[in-house]
């Protein structure tokens, strides 16, 4: 078994120098650092994680709570997770995935010295986990934007601004009666942060533009067809549809396209979703890209910034942008 003493001998340095190179606790010349790192690689040295943690009080692990609650789009969740994992490796960190949705998992990870910091996804507008995070004393970042005073730094896509942008685009296309076909009912009922903020931006933009807007929760399954049919039957004057529901989008777009052909009406569908989803759905007038991997990467950059220098950034929101590319009918 290779030991730290073997590494020191191979690199021609003391054991303490090898320790300093691994922990980063003391400045070491680049020449010496390179020799030690080459010796570690060539010998295949890997210190015991527990011993390394005791020596440096660091695990080089970030906990990521990514609960797969009912109604969430797993495809988008996994894109965010991919962004976190990819960016964490660039910073030299591994990721411990916490799949539960309660505060106890966060407490176990932090108090058990399993992680250096915590990232928390699927944040609700009034999230009970925030109080727990505030009391743990571990660096933490929310991937989401709760209401009120924010004691924990936050990173997310600016869903409220996306609501405004969608309305501006549909109004520019000539539509005066708009509908937001939104998240599934269970997501709306939980007051998940992104859903609440999107609704707020959409309705505020409708009022500011002098147009009529309505919000409709929608299942992420083929049941979306019945939901959209009912919306169009009850509100035949709706011509502009803003859809934020990745699972329902293909069914919604197909139903609205079929209705437009049958009625001879000019109906427009604008989607809010990742680019790869929008490209797969025909008949969209335009789309706003949700940079799911970018959200994960930005959250990881923020937590690593906190770990590196103790800074406490407040809120970082990724701005929305139209793709400007309709999809073929």
Protein backbone atom coordinates (compact mmCIF):
# COMPACT_ATOMS: atom_id res chain seq x y z
CA UNK A 1 0.00 0.00 0.00
CA UNK A 2 1.40 3.38 -1.05
CA UNK A 3 1.86 5.84 1.83
CA UNK A 4 2.46 9.56 2.06
CA UNK A 5 6.06 8.74 2.97
CA UNK A 6 6.48 6.96 -0.40
CA UNK A 7 5.19 10.05 -2.18
CA UNK A 8 7.58 12.30 -0.24
CA UNK A 9 10.54 10.07 -1.09
CA UNK A 10 9.63 9.91 -4.79
CA UNK A 11 9.22 13.70 -4.99
CA UNK A 12 12.34 14.43 -2.91
CA UNK A 13 10.41 16.46 -0.32
CA UNK A 14 9.31 16.11 3.28
CA UNK A 15 6.08 14.42 4.35
CA UNK A 16 4.76 17.76 5.60
CA UNK A 17 5.30 19.30 2.15
CA UNK A 18 3.21 16.55 0.56
CA UNK A 19 0.52 17.22 3.16
CA UNK A 20 0.56 20.95 2.41
CA UNK A 21 0.25 20.32 -1.33
CA UNK A 22 -2.81 18.12 -0.77
CA UNK A 23 -4.52 20.36 1.77
CA UNK A 24 -3.61 23.72 0.23
CA UNK A 25 -3.00 25.11 3.71
CA UNK A 26 0.39 26.61 2.89
CA UNK A 27 1.89 28.23 -0.21
CA UNK A 28 4.15 25.83 -2.10
CA UNK A 29 6.26 26.73 -5.15
CA UNK A 30 4.83 25.59 -8.47
CA UNK A 31 7.94 23.48 -9.18
CA UNK A 32 7.61 21.58 -5.90
CA UNK A 33 3.85 21.23 -6.30
CA UNK A 34 4.31 19.76 -9.77
CA UNK A 35 6.87 17.21 -8.49
CA UNK A 36 4.55 16.12 -5.69
CA UNK A 37 1.52 15.87 -7.97
CA UNK A 38 3.48 13.77 -10.48
CA UNK A 39 4.61 11.45 -7.66
CA UNK A 40 1.01 11.11 -6.42
CA UNK A 41 -0.20 10.24 -9.94
CA UNK A 42 2.62 7.84 -10.75
CA UNK A 43 2.30 5.96 -7.45
CA UNK A 44 -1.49 6.02 -7.46
CA UNK A 45 -1.59 7.47 -3.95
CA UNK A 46 -5.06 8.10 -2.49
CA UNK A 47 -5.27 9.09 1.18
CA UNK A 48 -8.11 7.69 3.26
CA UNK A 49 -11.05 10.10 3.04
CA UNK A 50 -11.57 10.14 6.80
CA UNK A 51 -7.93 10.92 7.48
CA UNK A 52 -7.92 13.65 4.86
CA UNK A 53 -11.03 15.14 6.42
CA UNK A 54 -9.50 15.16 9.89
CA UNK A 55 -6.35 16.78 8.57
CA UNK A 56 -7.98 19.51 6.54
CA UNK A 57 -11.52 19.63 7.96
CA UNK A 58 -12.67 19.39 4.35
CA UNK A 59 -14.43 16.56 2.53
CA UNK A 60 -14.25 18.08 -0.96
CA UNK A 61 -17.89 17.04 -1.26
CA UNK A 62 -20.94 19.25 -1.85
CA UNK A 63 -24.37 17.93 -0.94
CA UNK A 64 -27.12 18.41 -3.54
CA UNK A 65 -30.71 17.91 -2.48
CA UNK A 66 -32.69 17.19 -5.66
CA UNK A 67 -36.07 15.76 -4.61
CA UNK A 68 -38.12 14.16 -7.38
CA UNK A 69 -41.51 15.36 -6.18
CA UNK A 70 -44.71 14.70 -8.08
CA UNK A 71 -45.23 17.07 -10.98
CA UNK A 72 -41.59 18.03 -11.52
CA UNK A 73 -40.02 17.42 -14.92
CA UNK A 74 -37.28 14.84 -14.35
CA UNK A 75 -35.57 15.78 -17.63
CA UNK A 76 -35.06 19.37 -16.50
CA UNK A 77 -34.05 18.31 -12.97
CA UNK A 78 -31.37 16.01 -14.37
CA UNK A 79 -30.07 18.76 -16.65
CA UNK A 80 -29.61 20.99 -13.59
CA UNK A 81 -27.91 18.11 -11.75
CA UNK A 82 -25.61 17.61 -14.75
CA UNK A 83 -24.65 21.29 -14.60
CA UNK A 84 -23.88 20.98 -10.89
CA UNK A 85 -21.79 17.81 -11.24
CA UNK A 86 -19.84 19.04 -14.27
CA UNK A 87 -18.99 22.39 -12.70
CA UNK A 88 -18.18 20.84 -9.33
CA UNK A 89 -15.51 18.65 -10.91
CA UNK A 90 -13.91 21.76 -12.41
CA UNK A 91 -13.63 23.15 -8.89
CA UNK A 92 -12.29 19.86 -7.49
CA UNK A 93 -15.46 18.79 -5.68
CA UNK A 94 -17.59 15.65 -5.76
CA UNK A 95 -21.37 15.65 -5.32
CA UNK A 96 -23.41 13.74 -2.73
CA UNK A 97 -26.98 13.44 -4.03
CA UNK A 98 -29.76 13.70 -1.44
CA UNK A 99 -33.01 12.45 -2.94
CA UNK A 100 -35.35 13.16 -0.01
CA UNK A 101 -37.31 16.41 0.21
CA UNK A 102 -37.11 17.15 3.94
CA UNK A 103 -34.75 18.98 6.27
CA UNK A 104 -33.59 15.82 8.08
CA UNK A 105 -31.41 14.76 5.15
CA UNK A 106 -29.70 18.15 5.19
CA UNK A 107 -29.09 17.85 8.93
CA UNK A 108 -27.61 14.34 8.57
CA UNK A 109 -25.26 15.41 5.80
CA UNK A 110 -24.05 18.53 7.62
CA UNK A 111 -23.85 17.24 11.18
CA UNK A 112 -22.30 13.97 10.03
CA UNK A 113 -19.42 15.91 8.39
CA UNK A 114 -20.33 14.30 5.07
CA UNK A 115 -20.21 17.54 3.04
CA UNK A 116 -18.52 20.95 3.01
CA UNK A 117 -21.60 22.76 1.69
CA UNK A 118 -25.19 22.26 0.54
CA UNK A 119 -27.16 23.04 -2.63
CA UNK A 120 -30.95 22.76 -2.40
CA UNK A 121 -33.32 22.38 -5.36
CA UNK A 122 -37.10 22.58 -5.88
CA UNK A 123 -37.46 25.53 -3.55
CA UNK A 124 -40.94 26.61 -2.49
CA UNK A 125 -41.98 30.22 -2.02
CA UNK A 126 -42.19 29.61 1.74
CA UNK A 127 -39.76 26.72 2.13
CA UNK A 128 -39.45 25.09 5.59
CA UNK A 129 -35.91 23.91 4.80
CA UNK A 130 -34.59 27.49 4.87
CA UNK A 131 -34.85 27.70 8.66
CA UNK A 132 -32.92 24.46 8.99
CA UNK A 133 -30.18 25.64 6.64
CA UNK A 134 -29.85 28.91 8.53
CA UNK A 135 -29.21 27.01 11.76
CA UNK A 136 -26.72 24.48 10.40
CA UNK A 137 -23.84 26.90 9.90
CA UNK A 138 -22.85 25.17 6.64
CA UNK A 139 -22.37 27.23 3.46
CA UNK A 140 -25.58 26.80 1.47
CA UNK A 141 -27.14 28.00 -1.79
CA UNK A 142 -30.76 27.64 -2.90
CA UNK A 143 -31.49 26.80 -6.53
CA UNK A 144 -34.70 28.77 -6.46
CA UNK A 145 -35.96 32.08 -5.11
CA UNK A 146 -38.21 32.07 -2.04
CA UNK A 147 -40.38 34.93 -0.94
CA UNK A 148 -39.42 37.53 1.65
CA UNK A 149 -36.06 38.21 3.25
CA UNK A 150 -33.51 35.78 1.90
CA UNK A 151 -31.06 34.58 4.55
CA UNK A 152 -29.56 32.00 2.16
CA UNK A 153 -27.89 32.95 -1.15
CA UNK A 154 -30.00 32.04 -4.20
CA UNK A 155 -29.39 31.17 -7.86
CA UNK A 156 -32.08 30.61 -10.46
CA UNK A 157 -33.46 31.51 -13.86
CA UNK A 158 -35.46 34.74 -13.82
CA UNK A 159 -38.90 33.21 -14.28
CA UNK A 160 -40.71 36.45 -13.48
CA UNK A 161 -38.83 38.25 -16.26
CA UNK A 162 -39.62 35.32 -18.56
CA UNK A 163 -43.33 35.92 -17.94
CA UNK A 164 -42.93 39.54 -19.01
CA UNK A 165 -40.89 38.59 -22.06
CA UNK A 166 -43.46 36.03 -23.22
CA UNK A 167 -46.32 38.51 -22.99
CA UNK A 168 -44.33 41.17 -24.86
CA UNK A 169 -43.62 38.67 -27.64
CA UNK A 170 -47.21 37.46 -27.98
CA UNK A 171 -48.55 41.03 -27.95
CA UNK A 172 -46.01 41.95 -30.64
CA UNK A 173 -47.43 39.08 -32.71
CA UNK A 174 -50.88 40.71 -32.44
CA UNK A 175 -52.52 38.66 -29.69
CA UNK A 176 -54.76 40.37 -27.13
CA UNK A 177 -56.17 37.40 -25.19
CA UNK A 178 -53.49 35.22 -23.66
CA UNK A 179 -53.31 32.06 -21.57
CA UNK A 180 -50.49 30.61 -19.51
CA UNK A 181 -50.64 26.82 -19.67
CA UNK A 182 -48.55 26.17 -16.60
CA UNK A 183 -47.20 23.60 -14.22
CA UNK A 184 -49.20 20.60 -12.98
CA UNK A 185 -51.75 21.30 -10.21
CA UNK A 186 -49.57 19.73 -7.49
CA UNK A 187 -46.68 22.07 -8.34
CA UNK A 188 -48.97 25.08 -8.21
CA UNK A 189 -50.48 23.90 -4.92
CA UNK A 190 -47.01 23.52 -3.34
CA UNK A 191 -46.27 27.10 -4.42
CA UNK A 192 -43.02 26.02 -5.98
CA UNK A 193 -40.97 29.17 -6.40
CA UNK A 194 -40.52 29.12 -10.17
CA UNK A 195 -44.22 28.53 -10.84
CA UNK A 196 -45.30 31.37 -8.55
CA UNK A 197 -42.81 33.81 -10.07
CA UNK A 198 -43.74 32.93 -13.64
CA UNK A 199 -47.45 33.50 -12.91
CA UNK A 200 -46.64 36.82 -11.22
CA UNK A 201 -44.61 38.06 -14.17
CA UNK A 202 -47.15 36.87 -16.75
CA UNK A 203 -50.15 38.51 -15.07
CA UNK A 204 -48.28 41.75 -14.31
CA UNK A 205 -47.16 41.99 -17.94
CA UNK A 206 -50.71 41.35 -19.20
CA UNK A 207 -52.03 44.16 -17.01
CA UNK A 208 -49.24 46.53 -18.08
CA UNK A 209 -49.88 45.75 -21.76
CA UNK A 210 -53.64 46.16 -21.49
CA UNK A 211 -54.39 42.60 -22.56
CA UNK A 212 -56.35 39.85 -20.82
CA UNK A 213 -54.44 36.88 -19.40
CA UNK A 214 -55.48 33.75 -17.55
CA UNK A 215 -53.50 30.98 -15.84
CA UNK A 216 -54.32 27.28 -16.13
CA UNK A 217 -52.60 24.44 -14.28
CA UNK A 218 -52.02 21.51 -16.61
CA UNK A 219 -51.09 17.84 -16.16
CA UNK A 220 -47.80 16.72 -17.70
CA UNK A 221 -49.43 13.74 -19.43
CA UNK A 222 -51.80 13.15 -22.31
CA UNK A 223 -54.49 14.54 -19.99
CA UNK A 224 -53.14 17.92 -21.10
CA UNK A 225 -55.23 17.53 -24.26
CA UNK A 226 -58.47 17.61 -22.28
CA UNK A 227 -57.23 20.57 -20.23
CA UNK A 228 -56.39 22.65 -23.30
CA UNK A 229 -59.59 21.65 -25.10
CA UNK A 230 -61.57 22.85 -22.07
CA UNK A 231 -59.63 26.13 -21.93
CA UNK A 232 -60.29 26.84 -25.63
CA UNK A 233 -63.96 25.84 -25.37
CA UNK A 234 -64.57 28.10 -22.37
CA UNK A 235 -62.43 30.94 -23.77
CA UNK A 236 -62.66 30.86 -27.59
CA UNK A 237 -61.15 34.36 -27.79
CA UNK A 238 -57.73 33.13 -26.55
CA UNK A 239 -55.25 33.23 -29.44
CA UNK A 240 -51.88 33.45 -27.67
CA UNK A 241 -50.68 30.54 -25.55
CA UNK A 242 -47.62 30.59 -23.29
CA UNK A 243 -46.67 27.05 -22.21
CA UNK A 244 -44.38 26.16 -19.34
CA UNK A 245 -44.82 22.43 -18.89
CA UNK A 246 -42.24 20.30 -20.68
CA UNK A 247 -44.19 17.05 -20.39
CA UNK A 248 -47.42 18.59 -21.66
CA UNK A 249 -45.88 20.76 -24.38
CA UNK A 250 -46.06 18.27 -27.31
CA UNK A 251 -49.71 17.48 -26.54
CA UNK A 252 -50.63 21.14 -25.99
CA UNK A 253 -48.93 22.32 -29.20
CA UNK A 254 -50.55 19.54 -31.25
CA UNK A 255 -54.01 20.27 -29.83
CA UNK A 256 -53.74 24.01 -30.46
CA UNK A 257 -52.34 23.43 -33.96
CA UNK A 258 -55.22 21.13 -34.81
CA UNK A 259 -57.73 23.66 -33.51
CA UNK A 260 -56.11 26.45 -35.54
CA UNK A 261 -56.44 24.42 -38.74
CA UNK A 262 -60.05 23.48 -38.02
CA UNK A 263 -61.13 27.00 -37.03
CA UNK A 264 -58.91 28.86 -39.46
CA UNK A 265 -57.67 31.02 -36.58
CA UNK A 266 -54.22 32.49 -36.09
CA UNK A 267 -53.18 30.80 -32.83
CA UNK A 268 -49.66 31.10 -31.46
CA UNK A 269 -47.79 28.89 -28.98
CA UNK A 270 -44.73 30.23 -27.19
CA UNK A 271 -42.86 27.71 -25.03
CA UNK A 272 -40.64 28.14 -21.99
CA UNK A 273 -38.37 25.09 -21.87
CA UNK A 274 -34.84 23.84 -22.56
CA UNK A 275 -33.71 24.31 -26.16
CA UNK A 276 -33.61 20.58 -26.92
CA UNK A 277 -37.26 20.24 -25.89
CA UNK A 278 -38.38 23.22 -28.01
CA UNK A 279 -36.59 21.89 -31.10
CA UNK A 280 -38.49 18.60 -30.81
CA UNK A 281 -41.95 20.21 -30.82
CA UNK A 282 -43.42 21.38 -34.16
CA UNK A 283 -45.59 24.45 -34.57
CA UNK A 284 -44.08 26.83 -31.99
CA UNK A 285 -44.18 30.54 -32.80
CA UNK A 286 -41.13 31.09 -30.59
CA UNK A 287 -39.56 29.87 -27.38
CA UNK A 288 -37.66 31.08 -24.34
CA UNK A 289 -34.80 28.81 -23.41
CA UNK A 290 -34.48 27.55 -19.85
CA UNK A 291 -30.70 27.13 -19.37
CA UNK A 292 -31.06 24.18 -17.00
CA UNK A 293 -27.39 23.13 -17.02
CA UNK A 294 -26.40 26.77 -16.73
CA UNK A 295 -28.51 27.13 -13.58
CA UNK A 296 -26.70 24.19 -12.00
CA UNK A 297 -23.31 25.53 -13.03
CA UNK A 298 -24.06 29.02 -11.69
CA UNK A 299 -25.20 27.61 -8.34
CA UNK A 300 -22.02 25.54 -8.10
CA UNK A 301 -19.85 28.56 -8.93
CA UNK A 302 -21.59 30.50 -6.16
CA UNK A 303 -21.13 27.83 -3.48
CA UNK A 304 -17.49 27.35 -4.46
CA UNK A 305 -16.99 31.12 -4.28
CA UNK A 306 -18.41 31.06 -0.75
CA UNK A 307 -16.17 28.14 0.21
CA UNK A 308 -13.09 29.81 -1.25
CA UNK A 309 -13.34 33.28 0.26
CA UNK A 310 -16.30 33.34 2.62
CA UNK A 311 -18.27 35.81 0.51
CA UNK A 312 -22.03 35.93 0.90
CA UNK A 313 -23.61 36.83 -2.46
CA UNK A 314 -27.35 37.42 -2.26
CA UNK A 315 -29.23 36.57 -5.46
CA UNK A 316 -28.00 35.66 -8.93
CA UNK A 317 -30.67 35.30 -11.64
CA UNK A 318 -29.99 34.13 -15.19
CA UNK A 319 -31.83 36.42 -17.64
CA UNK A 320 -34.34 35.04 -20.17
CA UNK A 321 -33.96 35.40 -23.92
CA UNK A 322 -36.11 34.50 -26.91
CA UNK A 323 -34.62 31.97 -29.29
CA UNK A 324 -36.26 33.81 -32.18
CA UNK A 325 -36.67 30.55 -34.07
CA UNK A 326 -40.14 29.16 -34.83
CA UNK A 327 -40.35 25.39 -35.26
CA UNK A 328 -41.78 23.91 -38.44
CA UNK A 329 -45.48 22.98 -38.38
